[in-house]
Amino acid sequence: MKETWDSEVSTCFMFASAKLAPDGVAHKQAVIILKTAPPQVCEVWLFAEVNSEVFALVSFRALVKQDVAFSIWNKVDDPKMIPLEEIKCSLPFKNLKDNQFVVILPFHCR
């Protein structure tokens, strides 16, 4: 972590779950949706607190099909660190064949 960080790292803690604001929890290997427009879906690889700021290492996914209540995504390994505040919520998901998965979109994400 120290070798890849832009600034000096004085403290670094890694953990498998984090509390989301205003409510909810995300865990390692959870599928999450970000507060971006258009919405982006990612898989959480881990959480880290670096210099008292909390980040998530997530792998972005590629959209295949969008519907009102669900969407289908391709699994692609494209990891990036994002601030924890960018996560909107965890999503229920089911793995499909051909390296794809489907997520159910809660009402507040539609």
C-alpha atoms as a PDB file:
ATOM      1  CA  MET A   1       0.000   0.000   0.000  1.00  0.00           C
ATOM      2  CA  LYS A   2       2.793   2.420   0.916  1.00  0.00           C
ATOM      3  CA  GLU A   3       4.482   1.886  -2.450  1.00  0.00           C
ATOM      4  CA  THR A   4       1.361   2.699  -4.466  1.00  0.00           C
ATOM      5  CA  TRP A   5       0.073   5.660  -2.410  1.00  0.00           C
ATOM      6  CA  ASP A   6       0.624   9.218  -3.724  1.00  0.00           C
ATOM      7  CA  SER A   7       1.467  10.745  -0.346  1.00  0.00           C
ATOM      8  CA  GLU A   8       3.314   9.520   2.744  1.00  0.00           C
ATOM      9  CA  VAL A   9       1.480   6.752   4.606  1.00  0.00           C
ATOM     10  CA  SER A  10       1.710   7.086   8.368  1.00  0.00           C
ATOM     11  CA  THR A  11      -1.015   4.538   9.240  1.00  0.00           C
ATOM     12  CA  CYS A  12      -2.746   1.842   7.220  1.00  0.00           C
ATOM     13  CA  PHE A  13      -5.342  -0.650   8.417  1.00  0.00           C
ATOM     14  CA  MET A  14      -7.166  -3.133   6.185  1.00  0.00           C
ATOM     15  CA  PHE A  15     -10.520  -4.691   6.980  1.00  0.00           C
ATOM     16  CA  ALA A  16     -13.230  -6.853   5.408  1.00  0.00           C
ATOM     17  CA  SER A  17     -16.347  -4.720   6.053  1.00  0.00           C
ATOM     18  CA  ALA A  18     -17.345  -1.091   6.491  1.00  0.00           C
ATOM     19  CA  LYS A  19     -20.382   0.887   7.646  1.00  0.00           C
ATOM     20  CA  LEU A  20     -21.957   3.005   4.919  1.00  0.00           C
ATOM     21  CA  ALA A  21     -23.600   6.390   5.485  1.00  0.00           C
ATOM     22  CA  PRO A  22     -26.376   6.998   6.245  1.00  0.00           C
ATOM     23  CA  ASP A  23     -27.129   3.297   6.775  1.00  0.00           C
ATOM     24  CA  GLY A  24     -25.933  -0.101   5.664  1.00  0.00           C
ATOM     25  CA  VAL A  25     -22.816  -2.220   5.569  1.00  0.00           C
ATOM     26  CA  ALA A  26     -20.625  -3.441   2.738  1.00  0.00           C
ATOM     27  CA  HIS A  27     -18.395  -6.483   2.955  1.00  0.00           C
ATOM     28  CA  LYS A  28     -15.458  -7.886   1.036  1.00  0.00           C
ATOM     29  CA  GLN A  29     -16.756  -9.553  -2.167  1.00  0.00           C
ATOM     30  CA  ALA A  30     -20.002  -7.545  -1.996  1.00  0.00           C
ATOM     31  CA  VAL A  31     -21.413  -5.984  -5.145  1.00  0.00           C
ATOM     32  CA  ILE A  32     -22.000  -2.280  -4.629  1.00  0.00           C
ATOM     33  CA  ILE A  33     -23.382   0.649  -6.576  1.00  0.00           C
ATOM     34  CA  LEU A  34     -21.654   4.023  -6.582  1.00  0.00           C
ATOM     35  CA  LYS A  35     -23.196   7.503  -6.290  1.00  0.00           C
ATOM     36  CA  THR A  36     -22.157   8.296  -9.863  1.00  0.00           C
ATOM     37  CA  ALA A  37     -24.171   9.260 -12.905  1.00  0.00           C
ATOM     38  CA  PRO A  38     -24.679   6.952 -14.659  1.00  0.00           C
ATOM     39  CA  PRO A  39     -24.594   4.428 -11.818  1.00  0.00           C
ATOM     40  CA  GLN A  40     -21.530   2.189 -11.722  1.00  0.00           C
ATOM     41  CA  VAL A  41     -21.408  -1.293 -10.188  1.00  0.00           C
ATOM     42  CA  CYS A  42     -18.264  -2.703  -8.562  1.00  0.00           C
ATOM     43  CA  GLU A  43     -17.096  -5.633  -6.478  1.00  0.00           C
ATOM     44  CA  VAL A  44     -15.370  -4.835  -3.178  1.00  0.00           C
ATOM     45  CA  TRP A  45     -11.929  -6.407  -2.800  1.00  0.00           C
ATOM     46  CA  LEU A  46     -11.100  -4.828   0.573  1.00  0.00           C
ATOM     47  CA  PHE A  47     -11.395  -1.713   2.718  1.00  0.00           C
ATOM     48  CA  ALA A  48      -8.461   0.325   3.990  1.00  0.00           C
ATOM     49  CA  GLU A  49      -8.031   3.203   6.389  1.00  0.00           C
ATOM     50  CA  VAL A  50      -5.038   5.200   5.184  1.00  0.00           C
ATOM     51  CA  ASN A  51      -3.955   8.207   7.237  1.00  0.00           C
ATOM     52  CA  SER A  52      -7.388   8.252   8.957  1.00  0.00           C
ATOM     53  CA  GLU A  53      -9.327   8.245   5.653  1.00  0.00           C
ATOM     54  CA  VAL A  54     -11.353   5.181   4.628  1.00  0.00           C
ATOM     55  CA  PHE A  55     -11.158   3.816   1.093  1.00  0.00           C
ATOM     56  CA  ALA A  56     -12.433   0.755  -0.739  1.00  0.00           C
ATOM     57  CA  LEU A  57     -10.435  -1.210  -3.275  1.00  0.00           C
ATOM     58  CA  VAL A  58     -13.084  -2.077  -5.840  1.00  0.00           C
ATOM     59  CA  SER A  59     -13.123  -3.709  -9.226  1.00  0.00           C
ATOM     60  CA  PHE A  60     -15.332  -1.911 -11.740  1.00  0.00           C
ATOM     61  CA  ARG A  61     -17.700  -3.958 -13.906  1.00  0.00           C
ATOM     62  CA  ALA A  62     -18.926  -3.507 -17.488  1.00  0.00           C
ATOM     63  CA  LEU A  63     -22.670  -3.039 -18.099  1.00  0.00           C
ATOM     64  CA  VAL A  64     -24.271  -5.618 -20.430  1.00  0.00           C
ATOM     65  CA  LYS A  65     -27.999  -4.939 -20.020  1.00  0.00           C
ATOM     66  CA  GLN A  66     -30.012  -2.353 -18.072  1.00  0.00           C
ATOM     67  CA  ASP A  67     -33.629  -2.831 -17.017  1.00  0.00           C
ATOM     68  CA  VAL A  68     -35.749  -0.918 -14.516  1.00  0.00           C
ATOM     69  CA  ALA A  69     -35.477  -3.486 -11.718  1.00  0.00           C
ATOM     70  CA  PHE A  70     -32.216  -5.269 -12.577  1.00  0.00           C
ATOM     71  CA  SER A  71     -29.030  -5.011 -14.581  1.00  0.00           C
ATOM     72  CA  ILE A  72     -26.516  -7.521 -15.944  1.00  0.00           C
ATOM     73  CA  TRP A  73     -22.776  -6.899 -15.727  1.00  0.00           C
ATOM     74  CA  ASN A  74     -19.571  -8.533 -16.981  1.00  0.00           C
ATOM     75  CA  LYS A  75     -16.878  -9.344 -14.460  1.00  0.00           C
ATOM     76  CA  VAL A  76     -13.727  -7.437 -15.390  1.00  0.00           C
ATOM     77  CA  ASP A  77     -10.713  -7.030 -13.137  1.00  0.00           C
ATOM     78  CA  ASP A  78     -10.193  -3.269 -13.095  1.00  0.00           C
ATOM     79  CA  PRO A  79      -9.311  -2.371  -9.462  1.00  0.00           C
ATOM     80  CA  LYS A  80      -9.221   1.202  -8.154  1.00  0.00           C
ATOM     81  CA  MET A  81      -9.219   2.849  -4.721  1.00  0.00           C
ATOM     82  CA  ILE A  82     -12.266   5.013  -4.060  1.00  0.00           C
ATOM     83  CA  PRO A  83     -13.354   6.992  -0.977  1.00  0.00           C
ATOM     84  CA  LEU A  84     -15.918   5.127   1.118  1.00  0.00           C
ATOM     85  CA  GLU A  85     -18.384   8.041   0.748  1.00  0.00           C
ATOM     86  CA  GLU A  86     -18.789   7.228  -2.976  1.00  0.00           C
ATOM     87  CA  ILE A  87     -20.565   3.948  -2.179  1.00  0.00           C
ATOM     88  CA  LYS A  88     -24.359   4.250  -2.271  1.00  0.00           C
ATOM     89  CA  CYS A  89     -25.282   0.732  -1.083  1.00  0.00           C
ATOM     90  CA  SER A  90     -24.676  -2.992  -1.401  1.00  0.00           C
ATOM     91  CA  LEU A  91     -26.752  -4.890  -3.952  1.00  0.00           C
ATOM     92  CA  PRO A  92     -28.192  -8.397  -4.010  1.00  0.00           C
ATOM     93  CA  PHE A  93     -26.634 -10.314  -6.888  1.00  0.00           C
ATOM     94  CA  LYS A  94     -26.477 -13.724  -8.528  1.00  0.00           C
ATOM     95  CA  ASN A  95     -23.631 -15.122 -10.580  1.00  0.00           C
ATOM     96  CA  LEU A  96     -24.557 -16.180 -14.101  1.00  0.00           C
ATOM     97  CA  LYS A  97     -22.626 -18.167 -16.686  1.00  0.00           C
ATOM     98  CA  ASP A  98     -19.986 -16.623 -18.979  1.00  0.00           C
ATOM     99  CA  ASN A  99     -18.445 -14.458 -16.232  1.00  0.00           C
ATOM    100  CA  GLN A 100     -21.583 -12.343 -15.784  1.00  0.00           C
ATOM    101  CA  PHE A 101     -23.835 -11.538 -12.843  1.00  0.00           C
ATOM    102  CA  VAL A 102     -27.231  -9.934 -12.347  1.00  0.00           C
ATOM    103  CA  VAL A 103     -28.030  -7.355  -9.659  1.00  0.00           C
ATOM    104  CA  ILE A 104     -31.430  -6.385  -8.306  1.00  0.00           C
ATOM    105  CA  LEU A 105     -31.774  -2.605  -8.109  1.00  0.00           C
ATOM    106  CA  PRO A 106     -33.444  -1.247  -4.940  1.00  0.00           C
ATOM    107  CA  PHE A 107     -36.114   1.423  -5.464  1.00  0.00           C
ATOM    108  CA  HIS A 108     -33.772   4.255  -4.429  1.00  0.00           C
ATOM    109  CA  CYS A 109     -31.286   3.176  -7.157  1.00  0.00           C
ATOM    110  CA  ARG A 110     -33.746   3.076 -10.075  1.00  0.00           C
END
